[in-house]
């Protein structure tokens, strides 16, 4: 999740705390509205874990990040 927060901060110039609130808000909204196990897959994606068959890399790619995992 920190990578996403960092990208939002860099791209928008808003402070990290506001970027964190924005990410938490969006992730919370998506988890409420996604069916079944997609919520846990979303948690893995934003935490940087790649236990979802590459979903984390795909999510990072959607937001302009590197598709490589560390």
N, C-alpha and C. Protein backbone atom coordinates (compact mmCIF):
# COMPACT_ATOMS: atom_id res chain seq x y z
N UNK A 1 0.82 -1.19 0.00
CA UNK A 1 0.00 0.00 0.00
C UNK A 1 0.87 1.25 0.00
N UNK A 2 2.04 1.16 0.61
CA UNK A 2 2.91 2.32 0.68
C UNK A 2 3.33 2.78 -0.72
N UNK A 3 3.55 1.83 -1.62
CA UNK A 3 3.93 2.21 -2.99
C UNK A 3 2.83 3.04 -3.65
N UNK A 4 1.60 2.65 -3.45
CA UNK A 4 0.48 3.39 -4.02
C UNK A 4 0.39 4.79 -3.39
N UNK A 5 0.56 4.86 -2.10
CA UNK A 5 0.55 6.16 -1.39
C UNK A 5 1.67 7.04 -1.92
N UNK A 6 2.85 6.45 -2.08
CA UNK A 6 3.99 7.23 -2.59
C UNK A 6 3.72 7.76 -3.99
N UNK A 7 3.12 6.94 -4.84
CA UNK A 7 2.82 7.39 -6.20
C UNK A 7 1.80 8.52 -6.20
N UNK A 8 0.80 8.40 -5.38
CA UNK A 8 -0.21 9.46 -5.30
C UNK A 8 0.43 10.76 -4.82
N UNK A 9 1.30 10.65 -3.82
CA UNK A 9 1.99 11.82 -3.28
C UNK A 9 2.86 12.46 -4.36
N UNK A 10 3.61 11.65 -5.07
CA UNK A 10 4.50 12.17 -6.10
C UNK A 10 3.72 12.80 -7.26
N UNK A 11 2.67 12.16 -7.69
CA UNK A 11 1.93 12.62 -8.87
C UNK A 11 1.04 13.82 -8.58
N UNK A 12 0.54 13.91 -7.36
CA UNK A 12 -0.41 14.99 -7.06
C UNK A 12 0.18 16.10 -6.22
N UNK A 13 1.25 15.79 -5.49
CA UNK A 13 1.85 16.77 -4.60
C UNK A 13 1.14 16.92 -3.27
N UNK A 14 0.13 16.07 -3.00
CA UNK A 14 -0.56 16.16 -1.72
C UNK A 14 0.30 15.47 -0.64
N UNK A 15 0.13 15.86 0.60
CA UNK A 15 0.90 15.25 1.69
C UNK A 15 0.60 13.75 1.83
N UNK A 16 1.59 13.02 2.34
CA UNK A 16 1.44 11.58 2.49
C UNK A 16 0.21 11.19 3.31
N UNK A 17 -0.06 11.91 4.38
CA UNK A 17 -1.22 11.56 5.23
C UNK A 17 -2.53 11.65 4.45
N UNK A 18 -2.66 12.68 3.62
CA UNK A 18 -3.88 12.80 2.81
C UNK A 18 -3.95 11.71 1.75
N UNK A 19 -2.81 11.35 1.17
CA UNK A 19 -2.78 10.26 0.20
C UNK A 19 -3.17 8.95 0.87
N UNK A 20 -2.70 8.74 2.10
CA UNK A 20 -3.05 7.52 2.84
C UNK A 20 -4.56 7.45 3.11
N UNK A 21 -5.14 8.57 3.49
CA UNK A 21 -6.59 8.61 3.72
C UNK A 21 -7.33 8.30 2.42
N UNK A 22 -6.86 8.86 1.31
CA UNK A 22 -7.50 8.61 0.02
C UNK A 22 -7.43 7.13 -0.35
N UNK A 23 -6.26 6.52 -0.20
CA UNK A 23 -6.09 5.11 -0.52
C UNK A 23 -6.96 4.25 0.39
N UNK A 24 -6.94 4.52 1.68
CA UNK A 24 -7.78 3.76 2.62
C UNK A 24 -9.26 3.87 2.26
N UNK A 25 -9.68 5.05 1.86
CA UNK A 25 -11.08 5.27 1.50
C UNK A 25 -11.45 4.46 0.26
N UNK A 26 -10.62 4.52 -0.75
CA UNK A 26 -10.91 3.80 -2.00
C UNK A 26 -10.87 2.29 -1.77
N UNK A 27 -9.85 1.81 -1.06
CA UNK A 27 -9.75 0.38 -0.80
C UNK A 27 -10.95 -0.10 0.02
N UNK A 28 -11.32 0.66 1.03
CA UNK A 28 -12.50 0.29 1.83
C UNK A 28 -13.77 0.23 1.00
N UNK A 29 -13.94 1.20 0.13
CA UNK A 29 -15.12 1.23 -0.74
C UNK A 29 -15.13 0.01 -1.66
N UNK A 30 -13.99 -0.26 -2.29
CA UNK A 30 -13.92 -1.40 -3.20
C UNK A 30 -14.17 -2.71 -2.47
N UNK A 31 -13.61 -2.87 -1.28
CA UNK A 31 -13.82 -4.11 -0.52
C UNK A 31 -15.29 -4.31 -0.18
N UNK A 32 -16.00 -3.23 0.09
CA UNK A 32 -17.43 -3.33 0.41
C UNK A 32 -18.25 -3.75 -0.81
N UNK A 33 -17.78 -3.38 -2.00
CA UNK A 33 -18.58 -3.58 -3.20
C UNK A 33 -18.10 -4.70 -4.11
N UNK A 34 -16.94 -5.28 -3.82
CA UNK A 34 -16.46 -6.40 -4.62
C UNK A 34 -17.06 -7.71 -4.11
N UNK A 35 -17.35 -8.62 -5.02
CA UNK A 35 -17.92 -9.89 -4.59
C UNK A 35 -16.88 -10.80 -3.93
N UNK A 36 -17.34 -11.56 -2.97
CA UNK A 36 -16.59 -12.64 -2.34
C UNK A 36 -15.14 -12.40 -2.02
N UNK A 37 -14.29 -13.29 -2.53
CA UNK A 37 -12.87 -13.29 -2.17
C UNK A 37 -12.08 -12.18 -2.85
N UNK A 38 -12.70 -11.40 -3.70
CA UNK A 38 -11.96 -10.32 -4.36
C UNK A 38 -11.46 -9.29 -3.36
N UNK A 39 -12.16 -9.13 -2.25
CA UNK A 39 -11.71 -8.20 -1.22
C UNK A 39 -10.37 -8.59 -0.64
N UNK A 40 -10.17 -9.89 -0.36
CA UNK A 40 -8.88 -10.34 0.16
C UNK A 40 -7.81 -10.25 -0.92
N UNK A 41 -8.18 -10.46 -2.18
CA UNK A 41 -7.22 -10.30 -3.26
C UNK A 41 -6.80 -8.83 -3.38
N UNK A 42 -7.75 -7.95 -3.16
CA UNK A 42 -7.43 -6.52 -3.18
C UNK A 42 -6.47 -6.18 -2.05
N UNK A 43 -6.69 -6.73 -0.87
CA UNK A 43 -5.77 -6.52 0.25
C UNK A 43 -4.35 -6.96 -0.13
N UNK A 44 -4.25 -8.12 -0.76
CA UNK A 44 -2.93 -8.61 -1.18
C UNK A 44 -2.31 -7.69 -2.22
N UNK A 45 -3.11 -7.20 -3.13
CA UNK A 45 -2.60 -6.34 -4.20
C UNK A 45 -2.05 -5.03 -3.63
N UNK A 46 -2.77 -4.40 -2.75
CA UNK A 46 -2.32 -3.11 -2.23
C UNK A 46 -1.22 -3.26 -1.19
N UNK A 47 -1.10 -4.44 -0.59
CA UNK A 47 -0.02 -4.65 0.38
C UNK A 47 1.28 -5.05 -0.30
N UNK A 48 1.20 -5.33 -1.61
CA UNK A 48 2.40 -5.70 -2.35
C UNK A 48 2.65 -7.18 -2.38
N UNK A 49 1.81 -7.97 -1.77
CA UNK A 49 1.96 -9.42 -1.81
C UNK A 49 1.57 -9.89 -3.20
N UNK A 50 2.20 -10.95 -3.66
CA UNK A 50 1.89 -11.46 -4.98
C UNK A 50 1.35 -12.88 -4.91
N UNK A 51 0.53 -13.14 -3.90
CA UNK A 51 -0.03 -14.47 -3.70
C UNK A 51 -1.28 -14.69 -4.52
N UNK A 52 -1.63 -13.76 -5.39
CA UNK A 52 -2.88 -13.85 -6.13
C UNK A 52 -2.63 -14.08 -7.61
N UNK A 53 -1.55 -14.77 -7.94
CA UNK A 53 -1.29 -15.07 -9.33
C UNK A 53 -0.93 -13.86 -10.16
N UNK A 54 -0.20 -12.93 -9.59
CA UNK A 54 0.23 -11.76 -10.34
C UNK A 54 -0.69 -10.56 -10.22
N UNK A 55 -1.72 -10.65 -9.41
CA UNK A 55 -2.66 -9.54 -9.29
C UNK A 55 -2.00 -8.27 -8.77
N UNK A 56 -1.06 -8.42 -7.86
CA UNK A 56 -0.38 -7.23 -7.32
C UNK A 56 0.38 -6.51 -8.41
N UNK A 57 1.07 -7.26 -9.25
CA UNK A 57 1.80 -6.63 -10.35
C UNK A 57 0.85 -5.95 -11.31
N UNK A 58 -0.28 -6.57 -11.58
CA UNK A 58 -1.27 -5.96 -12.48
C UNK A 58 -1.83 -4.68 -11.88
N UNK A 59 -2.10 -4.70 -10.58
CA UNK A 59 -2.64 -3.51 -9.93
C UNK A 59 -1.62 -2.38 -9.95
N UNK A 60 -0.36 -2.70 -9.68
CA UNK A 60 0.67 -1.66 -9.74
C UNK A 60 0.77 -1.10 -11.15
N UNK A 61 0.65 -1.96 -12.15
CA UNK A 61 0.69 -1.51 -13.53
C UNK A 61 -0.45 -0.58 -13.87
N UNK A 62 -1.62 -0.83 -13.29
CA UNK A 62 -2.78 0.04 -13.55
C UNK A 62 -2.51 1.45 -13.06
N UNK A 63 -1.73 1.57 -12.00
CA UNK A 63 -1.47 2.88 -11.40
C UNK A 63 -0.12 3.44 -11.84
N UNK A 64 0.45 2.86 -12.90
CA UNK A 64 1.67 3.40 -13.46
C UNK A 64 2.93 2.96 -12.75
N UNK A 65 2.83 1.98 -11.87
CA UNK A 65 4.01 1.52 -11.15
C UNK A 65 4.71 0.42 -11.90
N UNK A 66 5.84 0.04 -11.37
CA UNK A 66 6.60 -1.04 -11.95
C UNK A 66 5.84 -2.36 -11.77
N UNK A 67 5.89 -3.21 -12.77
CA UNK A 67 5.22 -4.50 -12.67
C UNK A 67 6.10 -5.55 -12.00
N UNK A 68 7.34 -5.16 -11.67
CA UNK A 68 8.21 -6.08 -10.97
C UNK A 68 7.89 -6.09 -9.49
N UNK A 69 8.06 -7.24 -8.88
CA UNK A 69 7.84 -7.34 -7.44
C UNK A 69 9.18 -7.35 -6.75
N UNK A 70 9.23 -6.83 -5.53
CA UNK A 70 10.49 -6.80 -4.80
C UNK A 70 10.55 -7.90 -3.80
